[in-house]
Every structure is written in structure tokens, then in C-alpha cells.
């Protein structure tokens, strides 16, 4: 029996104009943007739809991206497309939990606004860095990092793409060593901090306090967590996992492999960009992958999925 997963991108997928067509054409999507604006005291339409100096700042990016992804998800569900399981890369995990029924969209948006502030302000500018390691397997990367203090793996994205994170000098030294050991390229990332490193442990502790205020609901469907790469069926686990997530590696490849092993054969990436679609093509080329980024994508997905089910 076919299974469908909704997957949601993380920070970096944002772009000017995201969701503008949904706001104009979908009342359900418009309601999400209007709610977020009122909830946060921000003009979410201006932040997401028009060119500005704020969208790429972590403290604004996270709320804007979750708002956009959930606005798109609401329209897709209203058309009769439903998921059997969800997952989200880093920030996207909040969308996954909301889509699985574990938290209200309002709580997801409110929480990631604070999460963005914590992530941006915990480590002083210039003290931390991240870099993408291309063309090298995880095991030899891990072996190199074992001998360099202050740097760890941030993301297991897909075969041939691992992200490292940590203290600026440690990331630099690790990058040089990885090139010597066979990496095709090591690309410094333009980020405001060493995300998913132990340096964010303090932010995780603060976030745990915020998560205590969330109104948690029983999950309608399971989601897959970044922290372990496995299914979560009990919402009671979620607070601890989301707090740990800030300082833990994102096990995205493992998450996708877990879902595929469970019979998920249709993946729908919901949000701007096609990053997760690209990862999936490198993880397993046999699953069907759809992408909801613009309004026309919804019509196409609804038509194709309903036709295939007949």
C-alpha cells in the first residue's frame, strides 16, 4: 500500500515572494499569514513577499518560513491530499509536528520566532562557522573530526553532502584536512552561527523553557525527528527532542531511509526551493517526489496523485 510523506525545508530555503500567490488565491493560506502578522506584531506579507533587509536574518527567517510552509500545507490538505507521516529539516521539524497534529500552527510560529532569536544571539558573531563537505562519505569525515576539537557534524543531508559546524578556527582546520583526505570541495556557508553544534547547548536549554508553554496535542500521524532519524509516535517525547535538536546533528538521510523502509513511496516537499527534492534523488531515485513551491504545483499534485489512486 502506498504511503505519503509531507517534508518541510529548513533555514536557507527562504526567498523573496514566497507564498505571495497562495495569499492571493487561497483563503486558508491568507488566514495563516494574517494570523502570524497579528501574533508576532510583524508585517508577514512585507517580510515574505517584498524585497527587504530582514528575511535572511535568523530572527525573522524562521517565523517567515514556517508561516509560508504551513500556509501552503493548509491549502494542500483542503484539496484532499493527506500525509501518513511527516518530517522537516531542522526548522522544518516544527512544520512537520504541526502538520502531524502535535502542535497548533500558532504555537509553531510563536516558538520558532523565539528559537530564531536564541540561535542568532547565543554565539557571538565570528566565533562559529559551518561548511558543506561535498563528495566524501560520512565515516571518513567523522574520523577526521575525531582528531579536531571544537568541530562536529551538523547535517547528514544525503550521500556526498555532509555539513560540519563549530568554532571558526576548528572548522577551518577541519576543512583543510578534509580536502587532503579526499573531499571534492568544502564550501563555507553564509550563516550567522554554528548551528547544530554543542555551542548551541545554552540556546537549547532556554528553548526547553519556551517549549514548556506550548499546548501539545496527541499526534494524528507520526513524524520523524532529526535527532534520531526515527519515528515519533508519542508527543511526550517532542519537547526533549526539539530542545536537543539545536545542538545535535540533523540526521536527514537517515530520516528519509527510515521512512522509505516503512513503505513511504510518495514524498511532497512543501515550501520554497527544491533542496529536499535534490537530497531525495541522491538517497533513493525510486520514490516519487513532488514539490509545492508555487500555486500551480498544487493543481498538478492533486491531479496526479488522485489519478494514480484510481
C-alpha atoms as a PDB file:
ATOM      1  CA  UNK A   1       0.000   0.000   0.000  1.00  0.00           C
ATOM      2  CA  UNK A   2       1.317   3.428  -0.961  1.00  0.00           C
ATOM      3  CA  UNK A   3       2.294   5.877   1.797  1.00  0.00           C
ATOM      4  CA  UNK A   4       2.707   9.642   1.510  1.00  0.00           C
ATOM      5  CA  UNK A   5       5.036  11.912   3.469  1.00  0.00           C
ATOM      6  CA  UNK A   6       4.970  15.694   3.771  1.00  0.00           C
ATOM      7  CA  UNK A   7       8.512  17.056   4.168  1.00  0.00           C
ATOM      8  CA  UNK A   8       9.445  20.634   5.028  1.00  0.00           C
ATOM      9  CA  UNK A   9      12.686  22.549   4.304  1.00  0.00           C
ATOM     10  CA  UNK A  10      14.911  24.306   6.795  1.00  0.00           C
ATOM     11  CA  UNK A  11      16.504  27.727   7.000  1.00  0.00           C
ATOM     12  CA  UNK A  12      18.126  28.732   3.726  1.00  0.00           C
ATOM     13  CA  UNK A  13      15.104  27.863   1.585  1.00  0.00           C
ATOM     14  CA  UNK A  14      13.544  31.315   2.086  1.00  0.00           C
ATOM     15  CA  UNK A  15      13.268  33.702  -0.844  1.00  0.00           C
ATOM     16  CA  UNK A  16      11.508  36.971  -1.577  1.00  0.00           C
ATOM     17  CA  UNK A  17       7.977  36.473  -2.901  1.00  0.00           C
ATOM     18  CA  UNK A  18       7.474  33.081  -1.286  1.00  0.00           C
ATOM     19  CA  UNK A  19       3.810  32.302  -0.824  1.00  0.00           C
ATOM     20  CA  UNK A  20       2.534  35.505  -2.421  1.00  0.00           C
ATOM     21  CA  UNK A  21       0.470  33.603  -4.978  1.00  0.00           C
ATOM     22  CA  UNK A  22      -1.027  31.441  -2.219  1.00  0.00           C
ATOM     23  CA  UNK A  23      -2.010  34.537  -0.249  1.00  0.00           C
ATOM     24  CA  UNK A  24      -3.842  35.928  -3.266  1.00  0.00           C
ATOM     25  CA  UNK A  25      -5.623  32.709  -4.268  1.00  0.00           C
ATOM     26  CA  UNK A  26      -6.239  30.766  -1.052  1.00  0.00           C
ATOM     27  CA  UNK A  27      -8.260  31.989   1.905  1.00  0.00           C
ATOM     28  CA  UNK A  28      -6.773  29.268   4.093  1.00  0.00           C
ATOM     29  CA  UNK A  29      -3.249  30.379   3.223  1.00  0.00           C
ATOM     30  CA  UNK A  30      -4.112  34.049   3.687  1.00  0.00           C
ATOM     31  CA  UNK A  31      -5.516  33.272   7.129  1.00  0.00           C
ATOM     32  CA  UNK A  32      -2.152  31.790   8.193  1.00  0.00           C
ATOM     33  CA  UNK A  33      -0.206  34.879   7.080  1.00  0.00           C
ATOM     34  CA  UNK A  34      -2.692  37.259   8.716  1.00  0.00           C
ATOM     35  CA  UNK A  35      -2.665  35.247  11.939  1.00  0.00           C
ATOM     36  CA  UNK A  36       1.160  35.264  12.028  1.00  0.00           C
ATOM     37  CA  UNK A  37       1.295  39.032  11.478  1.00  0.00           C
ATOM     38  CA  UNK A  38      -1.090  39.660  14.349  1.00  0.00           C
ATOM     39  CA  UNK A  39       0.559  37.085  16.613  1.00  0.00           C
ATOM     40  CA  UNK A  40       4.109  38.427  16.213  1.00  0.00           C
ATOM     41  CA  UNK A  41       3.421  42.087  15.548  1.00  0.00           C
ATOM     42  CA  UNK A  42       5.221  41.791  12.199  1.00  0.00           C
ATOM     43  CA  UNK A  43       4.001  42.522   8.692  1.00  0.00           C
ATOM     44  CA  UNK A  44       4.426  38.978   7.422  1.00  0.00           C
ATOM     45  CA  UNK A  45       3.311  39.919   3.916  1.00  0.00           C
ATOM     46  CA  UNK A  46       6.007  42.559   3.620  1.00  0.00           C
ATOM     47  CA  UNK A  47       8.599  40.213   5.142  1.00  0.00           C
ATOM     48  CA  UNK A  48       7.827  37.311   2.789  1.00  0.00           C
ATOM     49  CA  UNK A  49       6.546  38.954  -0.375  1.00  0.00           C
ATOM     50  CA  UNK A  50       8.706  42.057  -0.872  1.00  0.00           C
ATOM     51  CA  UNK A  51      12.479  42.555  -1.055  1.00  0.00           C
ATOM     52  CA  UNK A  52      13.769  43.665   2.343  1.00  0.00           C
ATOM     53  CA  UNK A  53      16.777  43.523   4.680  1.00  0.00           C
ATOM     54  CA  UNK A  54      15.163  41.231   7.256  1.00  0.00           C
ATOM     55  CA  UNK A  55      14.175  37.962   5.591  1.00  0.00           C
ATOM     56  CA  UNK A  56      17.677  36.466   5.728  1.00  0.00           C
ATOM     57  CA  UNK A  57      18.195  37.374   9.395  1.00  0.00           C
ATOM     58  CA  UNK A  58      17.700  34.274  11.539  1.00  0.00           C
ATOM     59  CA  UNK A  59      15.390  36.045  13.992  1.00  0.00           C
ATOM     60  CA  UNK A  60      12.940  36.752  11.143  1.00  0.00           C
ATOM     61  CA  UNK A  61      13.688  33.904   8.730  1.00  0.00           C
ATOM     62  CA  UNK A  62      12.394  31.120  10.906  1.00  0.00           C
ATOM     63  CA  UNK A  63       8.947  32.564  11.564  1.00  0.00           C
ATOM     64  CA  UNK A  64       8.589  33.647   7.921  1.00  0.00           C
ATOM     65  CA  UNK A  65       9.477  30.223   6.569  1.00  0.00           C
ATOM     66  CA  UNK A  66       7.243  28.282   8.965  1.00  0.00           C
ATOM     67  CA  UNK A  67       4.365  30.651   8.171  1.00  0.00           C
ATOM     68  CA  UNK A  68       4.845  30.126   4.439  1.00  0.00           C
ATOM     69  CA  UNK A  69       5.182  26.355   4.620  1.00  0.00           C
ATOM     70  CA  UNK A  70       2.100  25.979   6.801  1.00  0.00           C
ATOM     71  CA  UNK A  71       0.072  28.296   4.573  1.00  0.00           C
ATOM     72  CA  UNK A  72       0.920  26.042   1.614  1.00  0.00           C
ATOM     73  CA  UNK A  73       0.226  22.890   3.639  1.00  0.00           C
ATOM     74  CA  UNK A  74      -3.232  24.140   4.635  1.00  0.00           C
ATOM     75  CA  UNK A  75      -4.228  24.625   1.016  1.00  0.00           C
ATOM     76  CA  UNK A  76      -2.903  21.202   0.013  1.00  0.00           C
ATOM     77  CA  UNK A  77      -4.825  19.450   2.804  1.00  0.00           C
ATOM     78  CA  UNK A  78      -8.001  21.363   1.894  1.00  0.00           C
ATOM     79  CA  UNK A  79      -7.730  19.748  -1.553  1.00  0.00           C
ATOM     80  CA  UNK A  80      -7.808  16.266  -0.053  1.00  0.00           C
ATOM     81  CA  UNK A  81      -4.099  15.437  -0.046  1.00  0.00           C
ATOM     82  CA  UNK A  82      -3.094  13.969   3.302  1.00  0.00           C
ATOM     83  CA  UNK A  83       0.112  12.563   4.749  1.00  0.00           C
ATOM     84  CA  UNK A  84       0.761   9.284   6.529  1.00  0.00           C
ATOM     85  CA  UNK A  85       3.930  10.679   8.127  1.00  0.00           C
ATOM     86  CA  UNK A  86       5.825  13.987   8.179  1.00  0.00           C
ATOM     87  CA  UNK A  87       9.388  15.225   8.611  1.00  0.00           C
ATOM     88  CA  UNK A  88      11.204  18.544   8.446  1.00  0.00           C
ATOM     89  CA  UNK A  89      14.843  19.521   8.171  1.00  0.00           C
ATOM     90  CA  UNK A  90      15.867  21.386  11.327  1.00  0.00           C
ATOM     91  CA  UNK A  91      13.473  24.355  11.432  1.00  0.00           C
ATOM     92  CA  UNK A  92      11.120  22.368   9.199  1.00  0.00           C
ATOM     93  CA  UNK A  93      10.537  19.893  12.011  1.00  0.00           C
ATOM     94  CA  UNK A  94       8.169  22.430  13.596  1.00  0.00           C
ATOM     95  CA  UNK A  95       6.080  22.349  10.422  1.00  0.00           C
ATOM     96  CA  UNK A  96       6.187  18.559  10.481  1.00  0.00           C
ATOM     97  CA  UNK A  97       4.897  18.435  14.056  1.00  0.00           C
ATOM     98  CA  UNK A  98       2.129  20.951  13.332  1.00  0.00           C
ATOM     99  CA  UNK A  99       1.116  19.065  10.177  1.00  0.00           C
ATOM    100  CA  UNK A 100       1.034  15.845  12.222  1.00  0.00           C
ATOM    101  CA  UNK A 101      -1.356  17.498  14.684  1.00  0.00           C
ATOM    102  CA  UNK A 102       1.107  17.710  17.577  1.00  0.00           C
ATOM    103  CA  UNK A 103       1.018  21.487  17.965  1.00  0.00           C
ATOM    104  CA  UNK A 104      -1.104  24.375  16.748  1.00  0.00           C
ATOM    105  CA  UNK A 105       0.263  26.439  13.874  1.00  0.00           C
ATOM    106  CA  UNK A 106       0.165  29.476  16.159  1.00  0.00           C
ATOM    107  CA  UNK A 107       2.432  27.752  18.689  1.00  0.00           C
ATOM    108  CA  UNK A 108       4.822  26.642  15.959  1.00  0.00           C
ATOM    109  CA  UNK A 109       5.184  30.200  14.636  1.00  0.00           C
ATOM    110  CA  UNK A 110       5.492  31.759  18.088  1.00  0.00           C
ATOM    111  CA  UNK A 111       8.101  29.212  19.187  1.00  0.00           C
ATOM    112  CA  UNK A 112      10.327  29.486  16.118  1.00  0.00           C
ATOM    113  CA  UNK A 113      10.347  33.261  16.431  1.00  0.00           C
ATOM    114  CA  UNK A 114      11.986  32.817  19.843  1.00  0.00           C
ATOM    115  CA  UNK A 115      14.129  29.954  18.542  1.00  0.00           C
ATOM    116  CA  UNK A 116      15.493  32.243  15.828  1.00  0.00           C
ATOM    117  CA  UNK A 117      16.420  34.904  18.353  1.00  0.00           C
ATOM    118  CA  UNK A 118      18.157  32.334  20.569  1.00  0.00           C
ATOM    119  CA  UNK A 119      20.123  30.859  17.677  1.00  0.00           C
ATOM    120  CA  UNK A 120      21.183  34.264  16.404  1.00  0.00           C
ATOM    121  CA  UNK A 121      22.293  35.637  19.763  1.00  0.00           C
ATOM    122  CA  UNK A 122      23.773  32.691  21.698  1.00  0.00           C
ATOM    123  CA  UNK A 123      27.190  32.636  19.986  1.00  0.00           C
ATOM    124  CA  UNK A 124      28.980  35.976  19.335  1.00  0.00           C
ATOM    125  CA  UNK A 125      29.432  36.894  15.678  1.00  0.00           C
ATOM    126  CA  UNK A 126      32.565  35.390  14.164  1.00  0.00           C
ATOM    127  CA  UNK A 127      33.030  32.743  16.846  1.00  0.00           C
ATOM    128  CA  UNK A 128      31.294  29.961  14.960  1.00  0.00           C
ATOM    129  CA  UNK A 129      31.101  28.681  11.390  1.00  0.00           C
ATOM    130  CA  UNK A 130      29.676  25.957   9.168  1.00  0.00           C
ATOM    131  CA  UNK A 131      30.838  24.334   5.933  1.00  0.00           C
ATOM    132  CA  UNK A 132      29.412  21.821   3.461  1.00  0.00           C
ATOM    133  CA  UNK A 133      31.650  18.864   2.674  1.00  0.00           C
ATOM    134  CA  UNK A 134      30.981  17.516  -0.819  1.00  0.00           C
ATOM    135  CA  UNK A 135      31.948  14.204  -2.360  1.00  0.00           C
ATOM    136  CA  UNK A 136      33.019  12.426   0.812  1.00  0.00           C
ATOM    137  CA  UNK A 137      31.283   9.717   2.846  1.00  0.00           C
ATOM    138  CA  UNK A 138      30.247  10.255   6.458  1.00  0.00           C
ATOM    139  CA  UNK A 139      32.620   7.720   8.038  1.00  0.00           C
ATOM    140  CA  UNK A 140      35.915   9.270   6.850  1.00  0.00           C
ATOM    141  CA  UNK A 141      34.609  12.730   7.775  1.00  0.00           C
ATOM    142  CA  UNK A 142      33.799  11.511  11.273  1.00  0.00           C
ATOM    143  CA  UNK A 143      37.295  10.003  11.540  1.00  0.00           C
ATOM    144  CA  UNK A 144      38.913  13.355  10.672  1.00  0.00           C
ATOM    145  CA  UNK A 145      36.742  15.296  13.115  1.00  0.00           C
ATOM    146  CA  UNK A 146      37.582  12.952  15.981  1.00  0.00           C
ATOM    147  CA  UNK A 147      41.065  14.470  15.992  1.00  0.00           C
ATOM    148  CA  UNK A 148      39.990  18.133  15.865  1.00  0.00           C
ATOM    149  CA  UNK A 149      38.390  19.629  18.966  1.00  0.00           C
ATOM    150  CA  UNK A 150      35.564  22.122  18.509  1.00  0.00           C
ATOM    151  CA  UNK A 151      34.040  20.813  15.273  1.00  0.00           C
ATOM    152  CA  UNK A 152      31.287  18.237  14.720  1.00  0.00           C
ATOM    153  CA  UNK A 153      28.837  17.136  12.037  1.00  0.00           C
ATOM    154  CA  UNK A 154      25.764  19.357  11.748  1.00  0.00           C
ATOM    155  CA  UNK A 155      23.845  17.668   8.910  1.00  0.00           C
ATOM    156  CA  UNK A 156      23.804  14.258   7.280  1.00  0.00           C
ATOM    157  CA  UNK A 157      21.910  15.554   4.241  1.00  0.00           C
ATOM    158  CA  UNK A 158      22.448  12.874   1.602  1.00  0.00           C
ATOM    159  CA  UNK A 159      25.244  10.755   0.138  1.00  0.00           C
ATOM    160  CA  UNK A 160      28.073  13.095  -0.762  1.00  0.00           C
ATOM    161  CA  UNK A 161      26.843  16.078   1.253  1.00  0.00           C
ATOM    162  CA  UNK A 162      27.692  16.461   4.933  1.00  0.00           C
ATOM    163  CA  UNK A 163      27.736  19.776   6.822  1.00  0.00           C
ATOM    164  CA  UNK A 164      30.233  20.473   9.612  1.00  0.00           C
ATOM    165  CA  UNK A 165      29.853  23.041  12.382  1.00  0.00           C
ATOM    166  CA  UNK A 166      31.672  24.515  15.361  1.00  0.00           C
ATOM    167  CA  UNK A 167      34.326  27.018  16.351  1.00  0.00           C
ATOM    168  CA  UNK A 168      35.533  29.115  13.417  1.00  0.00           C
ATOM    169  CA  UNK A 169      39.173  28.075  13.594  1.00  0.00           C
ATOM    170  CA  UNK A 170      38.294  24.413  14.138  1.00  0.00           C
ATOM    171  CA  UNK A 171      36.008  24.409  11.092  1.00  0.00           C
ATOM    172  CA  UNK A 172      38.794  25.994   9.042  1.00  0.00           C
ATOM    173  CA  UNK A 173      41.336  23.387  10.105  1.00  0.00           C
ATOM    174  CA  UNK A 174      38.874  20.565   9.530  1.00  0.00           C
ATOM    175  CA  UNK A 175      38.069  21.911   6.066  1.00  0.00           C
ATOM    176  CA  UNK A 176      41.746  21.859   5.103  1.00  0.00           C
ATOM    177  CA  UNK A 177      42.233  18.336   6.444  1.00  0.00           C
ATOM    178  CA  UNK A 178      39.103  17.027   4.694  1.00  0.00           C
ATOM    179  CA  UNK A 179      40.376  18.326   1.372  1.00  0.00           C
ATOM    180  CA  UNK A 180      43.659  16.485   1.982  1.00  0.00           C
ATOM    181  CA  UNK A 181      41.720  13.324   2.859  1.00  0.00           C
ATOM    182  CA  UNK A 182      39.702  13.314  -0.374  1.00  0.00           C
ATOM    183  CA  UNK A 183      36.737  15.694  -0.220  1.00  0.00           C
ATOM    184  CA  UNK A 184      35.871  17.101  -3.643  1.00  0.00           C
ATOM    185  CA  UNK A 185      35.048  20.504  -2.163  1.00  0.00           C
ATOM    186  CA  UNK A 186      34.475  22.118   1.214  1.00  0.00           C
ATOM    187  CA  UNK A 187      32.248  25.171   0.928  1.00  0.00           C
ATOM    188  CA  UNK A 188      31.938  27.704   3.795  1.00  0.00           C
ATOM    189  CA  UNK A 189      28.282  28.521   4.486  1.00  0.00           C
ATOM    190  CA  UNK A 190      26.958  32.041   4.883  1.00  0.00           C
ATOM    191  CA  UNK A 191      25.254  31.548   8.249  1.00  0.00           C
ATOM    192  CA  UNK A 192      25.063  33.606  11.416  1.00  0.00           C
ATOM    193  CA  UNK A 193      26.239  30.889  13.794  1.00  0.00           C
ATOM    194  CA  UNK A 194      27.443  27.311  14.350  1.00  0.00           C
ATOM    195  CA  UNK A 195      24.003  25.712  14.158  1.00  0.00           C
ATOM    196  CA  UNK A 196      23.537  22.124  15.387  1.00  0.00           C
ATOM    197  CA  UNK A 197      26.785  22.196  17.361  1.00  0.00           C
ATOM    198  CA  UNK A 198      27.360  21.804  21.117  1.00  0.00           C
ATOM    199  CA  UNK A 199      27.947  25.576  21.128  1.00  0.00           C
ATOM    200  CA  UNK A 200      24.157  25.912  20.886  1.00  0.00           C
ATOM    201  CA  UNK A 201      23.592  23.905  24.051  1.00  0.00           C
ATOM    202  CA  UNK A 202      22.724  27.026  26.029  1.00  0.00           C
ATOM    203  CA  UNK A 203      20.137  28.013  23.440  1.00  0.00           C
ATOM    204  CA  UNK A 204      18.633  24.534  23.698  1.00  0.00           C
ATOM    205  CA  UNK A 205      18.269  24.925  27.453  1.00  0.00           C
ATOM    206  CA  UNK A 206      16.481  28.256  27.000  1.00  0.00           C
ATOM    207  CA  UNK A 207      14.296  26.818  24.256  1.00  0.00           C
ATOM    208  CA  UNK A 208      13.266  23.992  26.599  1.00  0.00           C
ATOM    209  CA  UNK A 209      11.661  26.591  28.866  1.00  0.00           C
ATOM    210  CA  UNK A 210       9.701  28.031  25.942  1.00  0.00           C
ATOM    211  CA  UNK A 211       8.543  24.558  24.906  1.00  0.00           C
ATOM    212  CA  UNK A 212       7.020  24.091  28.359  1.00  0.00           C
ATOM    213  CA  UNK A 213       4.446  26.739  27.418  1.00  0.00           C
ATOM    214  CA  UNK A 214       3.299  25.000  24.228  1.00  0.00           C
ATOM    215  CA  UNK A 215      -0.150  23.408  24.122  1.00  0.00           C
ATOM    216  CA  UNK A 216       0.778  19.912  22.903  1.00  0.00           C
ATOM    217  CA  UNK A 217      -1.758  17.637  21.225  1.00  0.00           C
ATOM    218  CA  UNK A 218      -1.881  13.903  20.563  1.00  0.00           C
ATOM    219  CA  UNK A 219      -0.269  13.164  17.196  1.00  0.00           C
ATOM    220  CA  UNK A 220      -2.740  12.227  14.436  1.00  0.00           C
ATOM    221  CA  UNK A 221       0.097  10.682  12.444  1.00  0.00           C
ATOM    222  CA  UNK A 222       3.752  10.094  13.349  1.00  0.00           C
ATOM    223  CA  UNK A 223       6.631  12.350  12.409  1.00  0.00           C
ATOM    224  CA  UNK A 224      10.336  11.568  12.051  1.00  0.00           C
ATOM    225  CA  UNK A 225      12.737  13.511  14.246  1.00  0.00           C
ATOM    226  CA  UNK A 226      16.100  14.918  13.144  1.00  0.00           C
ATOM    227  CA  UNK A 227      17.736  13.868  16.410  1.00  0.00           C
ATOM    228  CA  UNK A 228      17.433  10.096  15.919  1.00  0.00           C
ATOM    229  CA  UNK A 229      16.231   9.731  12.332  1.00  0.00           C
ATOM    230  CA  UNK A 230      13.342   7.588  13.612  1.00  0.00           C
ATOM    231  CA  UNK A 231       9.581   7.819  14.068  1.00  0.00           C
ATOM    232  CA  UNK A 232       7.971   9.692  16.938  1.00  0.00           C
ATOM    233  CA  UNK A 233       4.516   8.410  17.866  1.00  0.00           C
ATOM    234  CA  UNK A 234       4.199   9.914  21.347  1.00  0.00           C
ATOM    235  CA  UNK A 235       4.026  13.720  21.622  1.00  0.00           C
ATOM    236  CA  UNK A 236       5.501  13.449  25.128  1.00  0.00           C
ATOM    237  CA  UNK A 237       8.918  12.893  23.518  1.00  0.00           C
ATOM    238  CA  UNK A 238       8.760  16.076  21.456  1.00  0.00           C
ATOM    239  CA  UNK A 239       9.801  18.761  23.973  1.00  0.00           C
ATOM    240  CA  UNK A 240      13.028  16.965  24.812  1.00  0.00           C
ATOM    241  CA  UNK A 241      13.818  16.242  21.157  1.00  0.00           C
ATOM    242  CA  UNK A 242      13.269  19.827  19.976  1.00  0.00           C
ATOM    243  CA  UNK A 243      15.490  21.178  22.757  1.00  0.00           C
ATOM    244  CA  UNK A 244      18.225  18.654  21.895  1.00  0.00           C
ATOM    245  CA  UNK A 245      17.880  19.355  18.186  1.00  0.00           C
ATOM    246  CA  UNK A 246      19.624  22.747  18.381  1.00  0.00           C
ATOM    247  CA  UNK A 247      22.911  21.161  19.449  1.00  0.00           C
ATOM    248  CA  UNK A 248      22.549  17.777  17.699  1.00  0.00           C
ATOM    249  CA  UNK A 249      23.262  16.657  14.132  1.00  0.00           C
ATOM    250  CA  UNK A 250      20.357  16.695  11.674  1.00  0.00           C
ATOM    251  CA  UNK A 251      20.036  13.090  10.528  1.00  0.00           C
ATOM    252  CA  UNK A 252      18.133  13.825   7.332  1.00  0.00           C
ATOM    253  CA  UNK A 253      19.441  10.986   5.200  1.00  0.00           C
ATOM    254  CA  UNK A 254      18.688   8.530   7.994  1.00  0.00           C
ATOM    255  CA  UNK A 255      15.191  10.033   8.366  1.00  0.00           C
ATOM    256  CA  UNK A 256      14.394   9.512   4.692  1.00  0.00           C
ATOM    257  CA  UNK A 257      15.811   5.987   4.704  1.00  0.00           C
ATOM    258  CA  UNK A 258      13.677   5.175   7.752  1.00  0.00           C
ATOM    259  CA  UNK A 259      10.506   6.354   6.004  1.00  0.00           C
ATOM    260  CA  UNK A 260      11.320   4.529   2.776  1.00  0.00           C
ATOM    261  CA  UNK A 261      11.967   1.302   4.715  1.00  0.00           C
ATOM    262  CA  UNK A 262       8.499   1.756   6.257  1.00  0.00           C
ATOM    263  CA  UNK A 263       6.887   1.862   2.820  1.00  0.00           C
ATOM    264  CA  UNK A 264       6.730   5.605   2.125  1.00  0.00           C
ATOM    265  CA  UNK A 265       6.937   5.941  -1.642  1.00  0.00           C
ATOM    266  CA  UNK A 266       5.465   9.421  -2.237  1.00  0.00           C
ATOM    267  CA  UNK A 267       7.209  12.491  -0.829  1.00  0.00           C
ATOM    268  CA  UNK A 268       5.789  16.011  -1.101  1.00  0.00           C
ATOM    269  CA  UNK A 269       8.223  18.827  -0.324  1.00  0.00           C
ATOM    270  CA  UNK A 270       6.198  21.812   0.888  1.00  0.00           C
ATOM    271  CA  UNK A 271       7.903  25.207   0.823  1.00  0.00           C
ATOM    272  CA  UNK A 272      10.124  27.397  -1.340  1.00  0.00           C
ATOM    273  CA  UNK A 273      13.023  25.831  -3.204  1.00  0.00           C
ATOM    274  CA  UNK A 274      13.813  22.240  -4.134  1.00  0.00           C
ATOM    275  CA  UNK A 275      16.568  21.366  -1.670  1.00  0.00           C
ATOM    276  CA  UNK A 276      14.908  18.306  -0.138  1.00  0.00           C
ATOM    277  CA  UNK A 277      13.874  17.014  -3.551  1.00  0.00           C
ATOM    278  CA  UNK A 278      17.523  17.151  -4.561  1.00  0.00           C
ATOM    279  CA  UNK A 279      18.589  15.260  -1.454  1.00  0.00           C
ATOM    280  CA  UNK A 280      15.989  12.558  -2.049  1.00  0.00           C
ATOM    281  CA  UNK A 281      17.153  11.953  -5.593  1.00  0.00           C
ATOM    282  CA  UNK A 282      20.583  11.119  -4.172  1.00  0.00           C
ATOM    283  CA  UNK A 283      19.166   8.997  -1.337  1.00  0.00           C
ATOM    284  CA  UNK A 284      16.734   6.907  -3.393  1.00  0.00           C
ATOM    285  CA  UNK A 285      15.812   7.500  -7.034  1.00  0.00           C
ATOM    286  CA  UNK A 286      12.886   5.075  -6.973  1.00  0.00           C
ATOM    287  CA  UNK A 287      10.455   7.076  -4.808  1.00  0.00           C
ATOM    288  CA  UNK A 288       8.050   9.629  -6.284  1.00  0.00           C
ATOM    289  CA  UNK A 289       8.868  13.188  -5.245  1.00  0.00           C
ATOM    290  CA  UNK A 290       6.601  16.212  -5.688  1.00  0.00           C
ATOM    291  CA  UNK A 291       7.267  19.822  -4.782  1.00  0.00           C
ATOM    292  CA  UNK A 292       4.860  22.557  -3.674  1.00  0.00           C
ATOM    293  CA  UNK A 293       6.532  25.920  -4.143  1.00  0.00           C
ATOM    294  CA  UNK A 294       4.119  27.892  -6.335  1.00  0.00           C
ATOM    295  CA  UNK A 295       0.356  27.812  -6.755  1.00  0.00           C
ATOM    296  CA  UNK A 296       0.424  25.765  -9.972  1.00  0.00           C
ATOM    297  CA  UNK A 297       2.191  22.931  -8.148  1.00  0.00           C
ATOM    298  CA  UNK A 298      -0.907  22.246  -6.046  1.00  0.00           C
ATOM    299  CA  UNK A 299      -3.156  21.642  -9.051  1.00  0.00           C
ATOM    300  CA  UNK A 300      -0.559  19.325 -10.589  1.00  0.00           C
ATOM    301  CA  UNK A 301      -0.087  17.266  -7.433  1.00  0.00           C
ATOM    302  CA  UNK A 302      -3.791  16.931  -6.722  1.00  0.00           C
ATOM    303  CA  UNK A 303      -4.425  15.768 -10.278  1.00  0.00           C
ATOM    304  CA  UNK A 304      -1.543  13.303 -10.459  1.00  0.00           C
ATOM    305  CA  UNK A 305      -1.969  11.753  -7.017  1.00  0.00           C
ATOM    306  CA  UNK A 306      -5.723  11.332  -7.387  1.00  0.00           C
ATOM    307  CA  UNK A 307      -5.300   9.850 -10.876  1.00  0.00           C
ATOM    308  CA  UNK A 308      -2.706   7.360  -9.626  1.00  0.00           C
ATOM    309  CA  UNK A 309      -5.053   6.282  -6.816  1.00  0.00           C
ATOM    310  CA  UNK A 310      -7.879   5.433  -9.210  1.00  0.00           C
END
